[in-house]
Amino acid sequence: MNQNSFLGLIEQSIRNHWDLPAMSDLQGKTFYYKDFAREIDKLHEFFKTAGVQRGDKIAICGKNSTHWAITFFATLSYGAVAVSILHEFERESVQYIVDHSDSKMFFVDESIWKTIDETKIPNTETVFSLDDFSLLKVTSKELKLFVANSFSYFDKKYEKGFFVNDIAFRTDKPEELAVINYTSGTTSSPKGVMLPYRSLWSNTKFANDNLGFIYPGDNIICMLPMAHAYGLAFEVLNAISLGCHIHFLGKTPSPKVLLEAFARTKPKLVLAVPLIIEKIVVKNVFPKLRQGAAKTLVKVPLLNIAVYRKVRKSLIDVFGGNLVEVVIGGAALNADVEKFLRRIKFPYTVGYGMTECGPLISYSFWKEFKERSCGKVVDRMEVRIDSEDPQQIVGEIQTRGMNVMLGYYKNEEATKATFTEDGWLKTGDLGILDKENVIYIRGRNKNMILGPSGQNIYPEEIEDKLNNSPYILESLATEENGKIVALIVPDTEVMNAEKITPEQYQALFEKEIKEINTKLPNYSKIASFRLRTEEFEKTPKRSIRRFKYQQ
């Protein structure tokens, strides 16, 4: 086996964990590693009959499921390129991506297929249902016939069984294209990030080497979209490479759905976006600490250690009681929530990455993690800050190394604009790097506001303070005529619970803003605010599409 072969890692794991469960749909079927291997083998027969060639594109669009994962691994091990599409994309984006990526074959949830205009994807010859692998569209007579007779064909093929030595994946090459992952884009139409095999291998290898508490048979909940690099790399690729049992939620990870899944599967590792953690802490824990005996006890130094220990235990129980670490990625964690998690010694860490790096750039195990950072630059990657003093002066974070993409599919202009002359990837994020190679992010380059005397104002830092208010569901800090204006979506649930009427909102928020301004430097104080009745429009990664709200 080639030391750096991604498919080699996966094949080895399937062989080693043949009789262990590999993946299950929530309240659905479980596939063991041996079943997983056989399903991949079946799809290879479909590909062969349909005339799929090495390098052909196969698009996948659906909610997380065992069939999604089987299709993905079958595509790569056959030699085709997987085009992963977020199922939350609107119809126009899905059609654009299938067409733009030159996908010959398309695996899609039937609920999504019903909305698709077939004339917009004229070059796609075959469409399979992700619900049951049935054919939804076919141009090849041979394939149509083969699928119709496939039951008896496979009965015959596997008459004597399907064994470890029946699997033989091809050997991938480091620079070979594996996946095209279309980014959600807060500013423009989706761009196809071309990830080579070296990126998949390097991300998976890093997780293998650094998550030493994960063992074969451990349960992993897959709640992030698999069409997103973060969810794919750590909930799926890493889990399969280690012989874990993946549980696909297949529905929106609301706190209720998650808590039930945690209680049932008792995961050691949970991967989450800040929104999920903040909801659990702000809604379930903070209120209890603000009332009654807890409020008094927290103020007594020796007693508060006992209170915090109790809170920590109850929070770990929320995650199923078996938790070793929560990795938070995708956006910055709210400062107050982070301070609280540190105080109770909760095992969390914040990582940093982007689709263009498949995704990893930095991570530290929770015990080594530094507050407000997003971890240490990972193996096989380098980071530099574009400023005179990278440890003190904020500059753009730039990176290079094995995880980095080949470029954007059919978009040389965007590729050129994303790399520096000397070959470093421009992340568009601003931050500093300490002497131990730990990254601290200050904000997005394109979001930065220039203050009245040339000061750099990071709207994310203002929003952090706004979002700590129990009355604010979400917020945006924007600049209008040289002043900072806060756009606020009130949390109506809290308002109703506290019997605050809409007529009282204005006075309440004036008071909240006054309080928040005491914590902000003069040049970034909030001059005024506007209340909104609707939530902000978001990308599938749950980032607000800022450009829609900036003057």
Protein backbone atom coordinates (compact mmCIF):
# COMPACT_ATOMS: atom_id res chain seq x y z
CA MET A 1 0.00 0.00 0.00
CA ASN A 2 1.27 3.46 -0.94
CA GLN A 3 2.06 5.24 2.35
CA ASN A 4 0.21 8.40 1.31
CA SER A 5 -2.75 6.79 -0.43
CA PHE A 6 -6.16 7.96 0.79
CA LEU A 7 -8.01 5.02 -0.80
CA GLY A 8 -5.37 2.74 0.71
CA LEU A 9 -6.29 4.02 4.21
CA ILE A 10 -9.98 3.39 3.55
CA GLU A 11 -9.49 -0.06 2.02
CA GLN A 12 -7.26 -1.12 4.93
CA SER A 13 -9.87 0.04 7.44
CA ILE A 14 -12.68 -1.86 5.68
CA ARG A 15 -10.54 -5.04 5.76
CA ASN A 16 -9.59 -4.57 9.43
CA HIS A 17 -13.15 -3.81 10.60
CA TRP A 18 -15.07 -6.20 8.32
CA ASP A 19 -17.51 -7.43 11.00
CA LEU A 20 -18.11 -4.09 12.77
CA PRO A 21 -21.02 -1.71 12.07
CA ALA A 22 -19.95 1.10 9.72
CA MET A 23 -23.01 3.34 9.38
CA SER A 24 -26.67 3.67 10.26
CA ASP A 25 -29.49 5.98 9.32
CA LEU A 26 -31.41 7.40 12.28
CA GLN A 27 -34.20 4.85 12.91
CA GLY A 28 -33.06 3.10 9.74
CA LYS A 29 -30.80 0.40 8.36
CA THR A 30 -27.29 -0.41 9.62
CA PHE A 31 -24.52 -1.37 7.19
CA TYR A 32 -21.54 -3.32 8.52
CA TYR A 33 -18.13 -2.70 6.91
CA LYS A 34 -18.62 -5.87 4.83
CA ASP A 35 -22.02 -4.59 3.60
CA PHE A 36 -20.48 -1.19 2.88
CA ALA A 37 -17.79 -2.85 0.71
CA ARG A 38 -20.37 -4.91 -1.18
CA GLU A 39 -22.60 -1.86 -1.85
CA ILE A 40 -19.55 -0.03 -3.27
CA ASP A 41 -18.86 -3.04 -5.50
CA LYS A 42 -22.48 -2.97 -6.76
CA LEU A 43 -22.30 0.71 -7.68
CA HIS A 44 -19.05 0.04 -9.59
CA GLU A 45 -21.05 -2.35 -11.80
CA PHE A 46 -23.63 0.38 -12.47
CA PHE A 47 -20.86 2.86 -13.33
CA LYS A 48 -19.20 0.36 -15.67
CA THR A 49 -22.44 -0.40 -17.52
CA ALA A 50 -23.22 3.32 -17.84
CA GLY A 51 -19.82 3.86 -19.44
CA VAL A 52 -18.42 6.07 -16.67
CA GLN A 53 -14.73 6.74 -17.34
CA ARG A 54 -11.95 7.63 -14.93
CA GLY A 55 -12.13 11.37 -14.25
CA ASP A 56 -15.84 11.66 -15.10
CA LYS A 57 -17.87 13.75 -12.65
CA ILE A 58 -20.64 12.29 -10.46
CA ALA A 59 -22.77 14.81 -8.54
CA ILE A 60 -24.30 13.98 -5.13
CA CYS A 61 -27.03 16.10 -3.53
CA GLY A 62 -29.10 14.97 -0.58
CA LYS A 63 -29.41 15.04 3.17
CA ASN A 64 -26.87 13.01 5.16
CA SER A 65 -27.47 9.28 4.73
CA THR A 66 -25.79 5.89 4.38
CA HIS A 67 -26.54 6.01 0.64
CA TRP A 68 -24.79 9.40 0.35
CA ALA A 69 -21.65 7.95 1.96
CA ILE A 70 -21.73 4.74 -0.12
CA THR A 71 -22.06 6.78 -3.34
CA PHE A 72 -19.17 9.03 -2.35
CA PHE A 73 -16.73 6.20 -1.61
CA ALA A 74 -17.88 4.21 -4.66
CA THR A 75 -17.22 7.24 -6.89
CA LEU A 76 -13.67 7.78 -5.62
CA SER A 77 -12.67 4.12 -5.55
CA TYR A 78 -13.92 3.74 -9.13
CA GLY A 79 -11.77 6.64 -10.32
CA ALA A 80 -14.53 9.20 -10.94
CA VAL A 81 -14.68 12.64 -9.30
CA ALA A 82 -17.33 13.33 -6.63
CA VAL A 83 -19.15 16.67 -6.90
CA SER A 84 -20.69 17.27 -3.49
CA ILE A 85 -23.64 19.69 -3.38
CA LEU A 86 -25.27 21.07 -0.22
CA HIS A 87 -28.87 19.90 -0.12
CA GLU A 88 -29.94 23.25 1.32
CA PHE A 89 -28.91 25.10 -1.83
CA GLU A 90 -31.83 26.60 -3.73
CA ARG A 91 -32.85 24.86 -6.96
CA GLU A 92 -31.02 27.34 -9.26
CA SER A 93 -27.69 26.72 -7.49
CA VAL A 94 -28.10 22.92 -7.66
CA GLN A 95 -28.85 23.09 -11.40
CA TYR A 96 -25.96 25.50 -11.96
CA ILE A 97 -23.50 23.21 -10.13
CA VAL A 98 -24.57 19.96 -11.85
CA ASP A 99 -24.24 21.69 -15.22
CA HIS A 100 -21.08 23.71 -14.48
CA SER A 101 -19.26 20.66 -13.07
CA ASP A 102 -19.96 18.60 -16.25
CA SER A 103 -21.52 15.84 -14.13
CA LYS A 104 -22.50 12.83 -16.28
CA MET A 105 -24.29 11.13 -13.43
CA PHE A 106 -26.35 12.59 -10.57
CA PHE A 107 -27.37 10.93 -7.26
CA VAL A 108 -30.11 12.98 -5.61
CA ASP A 109 -32.86 12.84 -2.96
CA GLU A 110 -36.19 12.36 -4.73
CA SER A 111 -37.65 15.38 -2.89
CA ILE A 112 -34.93 17.55 -4.48
CA TRP A 113 -35.21 15.89 -7.91
CA LYS A 114 -38.92 16.83 -8.05
CA THR A 115 -37.93 20.51 -8.06
CA ILE A 116 -35.21 20.23 -10.75
CA ASP A 117 -35.76 21.48 -14.30
CA GLU A 118 -34.14 18.74 -16.43
CA THR A 119 -33.59 21.12 -19.36
CA LYS A 120 -31.10 23.02 -17.15
CA ILE A 121 -28.82 19.94 -16.81
CA PRO A 122 -28.75 18.73 -20.46
CA ASN A 123 -25.42 16.86 -20.23
CA THR A 124 -26.38 14.65 -17.29
CA GLU A 125 -27.13 11.23 -18.76
CA THR A 126 -28.13 9.27 -15.66
CA VAL A 127 -29.93 10.19 -12.44
CA PHE A 128 -30.18 7.79 -9.47
CA SER A 129 -32.36 8.19 -6.38
CA LEU A 130 -30.41 8.45 -3.11
CA ASP A 131 -33.54 7.13 -1.34
CA ASP A 132 -33.27 3.60 -2.81
CA PHE A 133 -30.74 3.70 -5.71
CA SER A 134 -33.57 3.39 -8.27
CA LEU A 135 -33.22 5.07 -11.67
CA LEU A 136 -34.88 8.48 -12.06
CA LYS A 137 -33.52 9.25 -15.53
CA VAL A 138 -31.55 7.14 -18.00
CA THR A 139 -30.36 7.56 -21.60
CA SER A 140 -28.41 4.29 -21.87
CA LYS A 141 -30.52 1.27 -22.90
CA GLU A 142 -27.82 -1.04 -21.57
CA LEU A 143 -27.95 0.53 -18.10
CA LYS A 144 -31.76 0.46 -18.05
CA LEU A 145 -31.72 -3.26 -18.83
CA PHE A 146 -28.91 -3.95 -16.36
CA VAL A 147 -30.71 -2.16 -13.50
CA ALA A 148 -33.94 -4.04 -14.29
CA ASN A 149 -32.08 -7.37 -14.00
CA SER A 150 -29.64 -6.31 -11.29
CA PHE A 151 -31.19 -8.40 -8.48
CA SER A 152 -30.59 -11.70 -10.24
CA TYR A 153 -27.18 -10.48 -11.51
CA PHE A 154 -25.95 -9.70 -7.98
CA ASP A 155 -27.51 -12.86 -6.52
CA LYS A 156 -25.37 -14.79 -8.95
CA LYS A 157 -22.28 -12.66 -8.47
CA TYR A 158 -22.36 -13.00 -4.67
CA GLU A 159 -23.67 -16.57 -4.63
CA LYS A 160 -20.68 -17.77 -2.63
CA GLY A 161 -20.57 -14.55 -0.58
CA PHE A 162 -18.47 -11.39 -0.69
CA PHE A 163 -15.15 -11.62 1.17
CA VAL A 164 -12.33 -9.43 2.39
CA ASN A 165 -10.16 -10.38 -0.58
CA ASP A 166 -12.90 -9.41 -3.04
CA ILE A 167 -12.21 -5.73 -2.40
CA ALA A 168 -9.39 -4.11 -4.32
CA PHE A 169 -9.49 -0.33 -4.59
CA ARG A 170 -7.35 1.36 -7.19
CA THR A 171 -4.29 3.40 -6.10
CA ASP A 172 -4.83 7.14 -6.13
CA LYS A 173 -2.14 9.70 -6.99
CA PRO A 174 -1.51 12.69 -4.66
CA GLU A 175 -2.21 15.39 -7.28
CA GLU A 176 -5.20 13.56 -8.81
CA LEU A 177 -8.57 15.34 -8.50
CA ALA A 178 -10.86 13.60 -5.97
CA VAL A 179 -13.67 16.00 -5.06
CA ILE A 180 -15.15 19.23 -6.38
CA ASN A 181 -16.83 20.95 -3.46
CA TYR A 182 -18.89 24.02 -4.29
CA THR A 183 -18.63 26.71 -1.61
CA SER A 184 -21.79 28.41 -0.42
CA GLY A 185 -20.32 31.86 -0.96
CA THR A 186 -21.52 34.82 1.13
CA THR A 187 -20.89 37.11 -1.84
CA SER A 188 -21.16 35.41 -5.21
CA SER A 189 -22.23 32.39 -7.22
CA PRO A 190 -20.78 29.08 -5.92
CA LYS A 191 -17.16 28.28 -6.82
CA GLY A 192 -16.02 24.67 -7.33
CA VAL A 193 -13.09 23.93 -5.02
CA MET A 194 -10.93 21.16 -6.54
CA LEU A 195 -9.56 18.96 -3.76
CA PRO A 196 -6.86 16.45 -4.71
CA TYR A 197 -6.26 13.09 -3.00
CA ARG A 198 -3.29 14.50 -1.03
CA SER A 199 -5.71 16.89 0.71
CA LEU A 200 -8.13 14.08 1.72
CA TRP A 201 -5.20 11.92 2.85
CA SER A 202 -3.48 14.69 4.82
CA ASN A 203 -6.67 15.81 6.63
CA THR A 204 -7.58 12.19 7.47
CA LYS A 205 -4.03 11.35 8.56
CA PHE A 206 -3.94 14.38 10.87
CA ALA A 207 -7.21 13.32 12.53
CA ASN A 208 -5.92 9.71 12.82
CA ASP A 209 -2.73 10.93 14.51
CA ASN A 210 -4.29 13.49 16.84
CA LEU A 211 -7.63 12.09 17.99
CA GLY A 212 -6.01 9.25 19.91
CA PHE A 213 -9.10 8.66 22.06
CA ILE A 214 -11.16 7.30 19.13
CA TYR A 215 -11.26 3.51 18.65
CA PRO A 216 -12.89 1.04 16.27
CA GLY A 217 -16.56 0.62 17.13
CA ASP A 218 -16.90 4.08 18.69
CA ASN A 219 -20.07 5.99 17.77
CA ILE A 220 -19.89 9.20 15.75
CA ILE A 221 -22.94 11.38 15.08
CA CYS A 222 -22.93 12.97 11.65
CA MET A 223 -24.88 16.21 11.99
CA LEU A 224 -22.91 18.64 9.81
CA PRO A 225 -23.76 18.48 6.09
CA MET A 226 -21.55 15.89 4.37
CA ALA A 227 -21.35 18.16 1.34
CA HIS A 228 -19.41 20.56 3.57
CA ALA A 229 -15.65 19.87 3.89
CA TYR A 230 -15.70 20.04 7.73
CA GLY A 231 -18.45 17.45 8.16
CA LEU A 232 -17.11 15.22 5.40
CA ALA A 233 -13.51 15.16 6.66
CA PHE A 234 -14.09 14.50 10.34
CA GLU A 235 -17.50 12.90 10.73
CA VAL A 236 -17.14 10.64 7.70
CA LEU A 237 -13.63 10.16 6.21
CA ASN A 238 -11.88 10.04 9.59
CA ALA A 239 -14.61 7.89 11.17
CA ILE A 240 -14.46 5.29 8.35
CA SER A 241 -10.64 5.28 8.39
CA LEU A 242 -10.71 4.41 12.13
CA GLY A 243 -13.45 1.77 12.01
CA CYS A 244 -16.08 3.87 13.81
CA HIS A 245 -19.86 3.54 13.57
CA ILE A 246 -21.41 6.66 11.98
CA HIS A 247 -24.99 7.63 12.82
CA PHE A 248 -26.58 9.88 10.20
CA LEU A 249 -29.21 12.20 11.65
CA GLY A 250 -30.75 12.86 8.24
CA LYS A 251 -32.76 15.77 9.66
CA THR A 252 -32.12 19.28 10.95
CA PRO A 253 -29.98 19.03 14.11
CA SER A 254 -32.37 20.87 16.43
CA PRO A 255 -31.39 20.71 20.13
CA LYS A 256 -34.20 18.16 20.74
CA VAL A 257 -33.08 15.81 17.92
CA LEU A 258 -29.45 16.13 19.02
CA LEU A 259 -30.06 15.48 22.70
CA GLU A 260 -31.93 12.27 21.87
CA ALA A 261 -29.14 11.14 19.53
CA PHE A 262 -26.43 11.95 22.13
CA ALA A 263 -28.30 10.00 24.81
CA ARG A 264 -28.59 6.98 22.52
CA THR A 265 -25.10 6.87 20.97
CA LYS A 266 -22.97 8.38 23.78
CA PRO A 267 -20.27 9.82 21.47
CA LYS A 268 -16.71 10.59 22.67
CA LEU A 269 -16.17 13.19 19.96
CA VAL A 270 -18.71 15.79 18.85
CA LEU A 271 -18.10 18.14 15.92
CA ALA A 272 -20.26 21.23 15.96
CA VAL A 273 -20.70 24.77 14.73
CA PRO A 274 -20.84 27.51 17.42
CA LEU A 275 -24.57 28.04 16.93
CA ILE A 276 -25.37 24.53 18.27
CA ILE A 277 -23.11 24.87 21.34
CA GLU A 278 -24.31 28.41 22.08
CA LYS A 279 -27.94 27.31 21.92
CA ILE A 280 -27.31 24.43 24.34
CA VAL A 281 -25.35 26.63 26.81
CA VAL A 282 -27.33 29.89 26.55
CA LYS A 283 -30.74 28.18 26.61
CA ASN A 284 -30.05 25.29 29.02
CA VAL A 285 -27.29 26.40 31.38
CA PHE A 286 -27.08 30.19 31.74
CA PRO A 287 -30.69 30.65 32.94
CA LYS A 288 -30.14 28.12 35.76
CA LEU A 289 -26.99 29.94 36.93
CA ARG A 290 -28.77 33.31 36.99
CA GLN A 291 -31.45 32.26 39.43
CA GLY A 292 -31.97 31.12 43.02
CA ALA A 293 -29.26 29.40 45.05
CA ALA A 294 -26.88 28.96 42.10
CA LYS A 295 -26.66 32.75 41.65
CA THR A 296 -25.47 33.18 45.26
CA LEU A 297 -23.23 30.11 45.34
CA VAL A 298 -21.34 31.16 42.19
CA LYS A 299 -20.19 34.29 44.05
CA VAL A 300 -18.56 32.30 46.90
CA PRO A 301 -15.08 31.24 45.65
CA LEU A 302 -14.83 27.79 47.25
CA LEU A 303 -18.44 26.88 46.70
CA ASN A 304 -18.39 28.00 43.09
CA ILE A 305 -15.80 25.31 42.26
CA ALA A 306 -18.33 22.72 43.40
CA VAL A 307 -21.13 24.42 41.46
CA TYR A 308 -19.03 24.57 38.29
CA ARG A 309 -18.02 20.94 38.67
CA LYS A 310 -21.68 20.03 38.89
CA VAL A 311 -22.53 22.18 35.87
CA ARG A 312 -19.66 20.59 33.90
CA LYS A 313 -20.95 17.12 34.71
CA SER A 314 -24.51 18.01 33.73
CA LEU A 315 -23.27 19.51 30.45
CA ILE A 316 -21.24 16.38 29.65
CA ASP A 317 -24.38 14.35 30.43
CA VAL A 318 -26.26 16.44 27.85
CA PHE A 319 -23.76 15.04 25.29
CA GLY A 320 -24.42 11.47 26.41
CA GLY A 321 -21.97 11.24 29.33
CA ASN A 322 -19.07 9.73 27.39
CA LEU A 323 -17.63 12.92 25.94
CA VAL A 324 -13.88 13.45 25.55
CA GLU A 325 -13.92 16.52 23.29
CA VAL A 326 -16.17 18.92 21.39
CA VAL A 327 -14.50 20.46 18.33
CA ILE A 328 -16.07 23.73 17.24
CA GLY A 329 -15.47 25.06 13.74
CA GLY A 330 -17.05 27.04 10.93
CA ALA A 331 -17.20 30.37 12.79
CA ALA A 332 -15.99 32.10 15.97
CA LEU A 333 -17.41 31.06 19.33
CA ASN A 334 -19.22 33.71 21.37
CA ALA A 335 -16.72 35.20 23.91
CA ASP A 336 -19.02 34.90 26.95
CA VAL A 337 -19.90 31.30 26.15
CA GLU A 338 -16.19 30.51 25.71
CA LYS A 339 -15.24 32.18 29.02
CA PHE A 340 -17.91 30.13 30.77
CA LEU A 341 -16.82 26.83 29.14
CA ARG A 342 -13.24 27.50 30.28
CA ARG A 343 -14.34 28.35 33.80
CA ILE A 344 -16.10 25.00 34.19
CA LYS A 345 -13.18 23.20 32.41
CA PHE A 346 -15.47 21.88 29.69
CA PRO A 347 -13.50 19.85 27.07
CA TYR A 348 -13.99 22.07 24.03
CA THR A 349 -11.60 23.31 21.36
CA VAL A 350 -11.97 25.60 18.35
CA GLY A 351 -10.45 24.63 15.01
CA TYR A 352 -9.98 26.69 11.87
CA GLY A 353 -10.17 25.79 8.22
CA MET A 354 -11.81 26.45 4.90
CA THR A 355 -13.18 24.36 2.05
CA GLU A 356 -10.09 25.34 0.02
CA CYS A 357 -7.96 23.36 2.51
CA GLY A 358 -10.30 20.40 2.72
CA PRO A 359 -10.69 21.99 5.46
CA LEU A 360 -7.97 21.91 8.13
CA ILE A 361 -5.57 24.79 8.85
CA SER A 362 -5.34 24.73 12.67
CA TYR A 363 -6.45 22.67 15.70
CA SER A 364 -5.27 21.88 19.25
CA PHE A 365 -6.49 19.17 21.67
CA TRP A 366 -8.67 20.87 24.32
CA LYS A 367 -6.06 20.53 27.08
CA GLU A 368 -3.48 22.45 24.99
CA PHE A 369 -6.01 24.88 23.50
CA LYS A 370 -5.50 28.62 24.19
CA GLU A 371 -8.56 30.78 24.89
CA ARG A 372 -9.90 32.91 21.98
CA SER A 373 -7.51 31.16 19.58
CA CYS A 374 -8.41 28.62 16.95
CA GLY A 375 -5.59 26.19 17.59
CA LYS A 376 -2.12 25.50 16.28
CA VAL A 377 -1.19 25.18 12.60
CA VAL A 378 -1.60 21.49 11.70
CA ASP A 379 0.96 19.02 10.29
CA ARG A 380 1.98 19.50 6.65
CA MET A 381 0.62 23.08 6.60
CA GLU A 382 2.33 26.46 7.03
CA VAL A 383 0.74 29.82 7.90
CA ARG A 384 2.04 33.37 7.59
CA ILE A 385 0.47 36.73 8.46
CA ASP A 386 0.66 39.52 5.91
CA SER A 387 1.82 42.27 8.33
CA GLU A 388 5.09 43.84 9.59
CA ASP A 389 4.71 42.18 12.99
CA PRO A 390 2.67 38.94 12.72
CA GLN A 391 2.56 38.48 16.52
CA GLN A 392 1.15 41.96 17.24
CA ILE A 393 -0.22 43.54 14.07
CA VAL A 394 -3.28 42.03 12.43
CA GLY A 395 -2.86 40.99 8.79
CA GLU A 396 -4.36 38.54 6.32
CA ILE A 397 -3.85 34.86 7.20
CA GLN A 398 -2.15 33.06 4.30
CA THR A 399 -1.41 29.35 4.08
CA ARG A 400 0.25 26.67 1.96
CA GLY A 401 0.82 22.92 2.26
CA MET A 402 -0.55 19.49 1.51
CA ASN A 403 -4.19 20.28 2.39
CA VAL A 404 -4.51 23.12 -0.14
CA MET A 405 -6.78 22.83 -3.20
CA LEU A 406 -5.67 22.64 -6.83
CA GLY A 407 -7.80 25.71 -7.66
CA TYR A 408 -11.39 26.52 -8.68
CA TYR A 409 -13.00 24.38 -11.39
CA LYS A 410 -13.12 26.17 -14.76
CA ASN A 411 -12.34 29.50 -13.06
CA GLU A 412 -8.71 30.53 -13.61
CA GLU A 413 -9.43 34.15 -12.76
CA ALA A 414 -10.75 33.32 -9.28
CA THR A 415 -7.90 30.82 -8.74
CA LYS A 416 -5.29 33.43 -9.66
CA ALA A 417 -6.90 36.01 -7.36
CA THR A 418 -6.85 33.57 -4.41
CA PHE A 419 -3.12 32.81 -4.53
CA THR A 420 -0.22 35.22 -3.96
CA GLU A 421 2.58 35.57 -6.51
CA ASP A 422 4.73 33.19 -4.41
CA GLY A 423 2.02 30.52 -4.13
CA TRP A 424 0.33 31.09 -0.74
CA LEU A 425 -3.46 30.78 -0.44
CA LYS A 426 -5.12 34.01 0.70
CA THR A 427 -7.77 33.01 3.25
CA GLY A 428 -9.53 36.40 3.41
CA ASP A 429 -9.40 36.12 7.21
CA LEU A 430 -7.50 38.55 9.43
CA GLY A 431 -5.51 37.57 12.48
CA ILE A 432 -2.20 37.18 14.29
CA LEU A 433 0.09 34.18 14.87
CA ASP A 434 1.90 33.74 18.19
CA LYS A 435 5.41 32.31 18.58
CA GLU A 436 3.99 28.82 19.17
CA ASN A 437 2.25 28.89 15.77
CA VAL A 438 -1.21 29.42 17.30
CA ILE A 439 -3.71 31.43 15.22
CA TYR A 440 -5.96 34.16 16.62
CA ILE A 441 -8.63 35.38 14.18
CA ARG A 442 -9.85 38.97 14.34
CA GLY A 443 -12.38 38.97 11.51
CA ARG A 444 -12.95 38.75 7.76
CA ASN A 445 -10.94 41.01 5.46
CA LYS A 446 -13.99 42.07 3.48
CA ASN A 447 -16.07 42.75 6.64
CA MET A 448 -13.53 45.10 8.26
CA ILE A 449 -14.75 48.67 8.81
CA LEU A 450 -12.31 51.58 8.83
CA GLY A 451 -12.91 53.79 11.90
CA PRO A 452 -13.01 57.63 11.84
CA SER A 453 -9.25 57.93 12.48
CA GLY A 454 -8.20 54.87 10.48
CA GLN A 455 -8.78 52.31 13.27
CA ASN A 456 -9.66 48.76 12.20
CA ILE A 457 -13.12 47.83 13.45
CA TYR A 458 -14.10 44.16 13.32
CA PRO A 459 -17.92 43.89 13.21
CA GLU A 460 -17.68 40.30 14.52
CA GLU A 461 -16.35 41.63 17.87
CA ILE A 462 -19.30 44.02 18.21
CA GLU A 463 -21.80 41.31 17.22
CA ASP A 464 -20.25 39.01 19.83
CA LYS A 465 -21.22 41.49 22.54
CA LEU A 466 -24.69 42.09 21.05
CA ASN A 467 -25.43 38.36 20.81
CA ASN A 468 -24.66 37.91 24.52
CA SER A 469 -27.88 39.75 25.33
CA PRO A 470 -30.62 37.24 26.16
CA TYR A 471 -33.03 39.47 24.19
CA ILE A 472 -31.08 39.32 20.92
CA LEU A 473 -31.48 36.32 18.63
CA GLU A 474 -28.92 37.56 16.07
CA SER A 475 -27.32 40.80 14.96
CA LEU A 476 -25.20 42.54 12.35
CA ALA A 477 -22.93 45.54 12.86
CA THR A 478 -22.67 47.69 9.74
CA GLU A 479 -21.25 51.09 8.87
CA GLU A 480 -23.47 53.92 7.64
CA ASN A 481 -22.14 57.45 7.04
CA GLY A 482 -19.06 56.77 9.18
CA LYS A 483 -21.11 55.47 12.13
CA ILE A 484 -21.76 51.95 13.48
CA VAL A 485 -25.35 50.81 13.18
CA ALA A 486 -26.61 47.58 14.76
CA LEU A 487 -29.29 45.54 12.96
CA ILE A 488 -31.04 43.44 15.59
CA VAL A 489 -33.42 40.48 15.45
CA PRO A 490 -35.14 40.28 18.88
CA ASP A 491 -35.56 36.84 20.50
CA THR A 492 -39.36 36.73 20.60
CA GLU A 493 -39.37 33.50 22.66
CA VAL A 494 -37.56 35.28 25.51
CA MET A 495 -39.71 38.41 25.09
CA ASN A 496 -42.92 36.39 25.34
CA ALA A 497 -41.65 34.41 28.32
CA GLU A 498 -40.79 37.66 30.13
CA LYS A 499 -44.06 39.30 28.99
CA ILE A 500 -42.26 42.14 27.17
CA THR A 501 -44.54 43.66 24.54
CA PRO A 502 -43.36 45.01 21.14
CA GLU A 503 -44.17 48.54 22.38
CA GLN A 504 -41.48 48.10 25.06
CA TYR A 505 -38.78 46.85 22.61
CA GLN A 506 -37.34 50.28 21.74
CA ALA A 507 -36.70 51.30 25.36
CA LEU A 508 -35.35 47.85 26.26
CA PHE A 509 -32.82 47.84 23.39
CA GLU A 510 -31.73 51.42 24.06
CA LYS A 511 -30.79 50.23 27.55
CA GLU A 512 -29.05 47.09 26.17
CA ILE A 513 -27.02 49.13 23.63
CA LYS A 514 -26.00 51.62 26.32
CA GLU A 515 -24.72 48.73 28.44
CA ILE A 516 -22.89 47.12 25.46
CA ASN A 517 -21.24 50.43 24.54
CA THR A 518 -19.52 50.53 27.94
CA LYS A 519 -17.57 47.44 26.81
CA LEU A 520 -16.52 48.86 23.41
CA PRO A 521 -13.68 51.28 22.55
CA ASN A 522 -14.86 54.82 21.63
CA TYR A 523 -14.22 54.44 17.90
CA SER A 524 -16.44 51.33 17.60
CA LYS A 525 -19.38 52.31 19.81
CA ILE A 526 -22.85 51.66 18.37
CA ALA A 527 -24.42 54.95 17.25
CA SER A 528 -27.91 53.60 16.53
CA PHE A 529 -29.87 50.41 15.97
CA ARG A 530 -32.73 49.10 13.85
CA LEU A 531 -34.99 46.20 14.79
CA ARG A 532 -35.89 43.50 12.28
CA THR A 533 -38.85 41.13 12.38
CA GLU A 534 -37.21 38.45 10.19
CA GLU A 535 -33.99 36.50 10.62
CA PHE A 536 -31.09 37.33 8.29
CA GLU A 537 -30.66 35.33 5.11
CA LYS A 538 -27.91 32.74 5.57
CA THR A 539 -25.62 30.41 3.65
CA PRO A 540 -26.03 26.66 4.30
CA LYS A 541 -23.08 26.95 6.72
CA ARG A 542 -25.33 29.31 8.73
CA SER A 543 -23.18 32.40 8.03
CA ILE A 544 -25.20 35.55 7.42
CA ARG A 545 -25.10 36.79 3.81
CA ARG A 546 -23.71 40.16 4.96
CA PHE A 547 -23.47 41.82 1.57
CA LYS A 548 -27.28 41.90 1.42
CA TYR A 549 -27.49 44.17 4.47
CA GLN A 550 -24.56 46.53 3.96
CA GLN A 551 -25.27 50.03 2.69
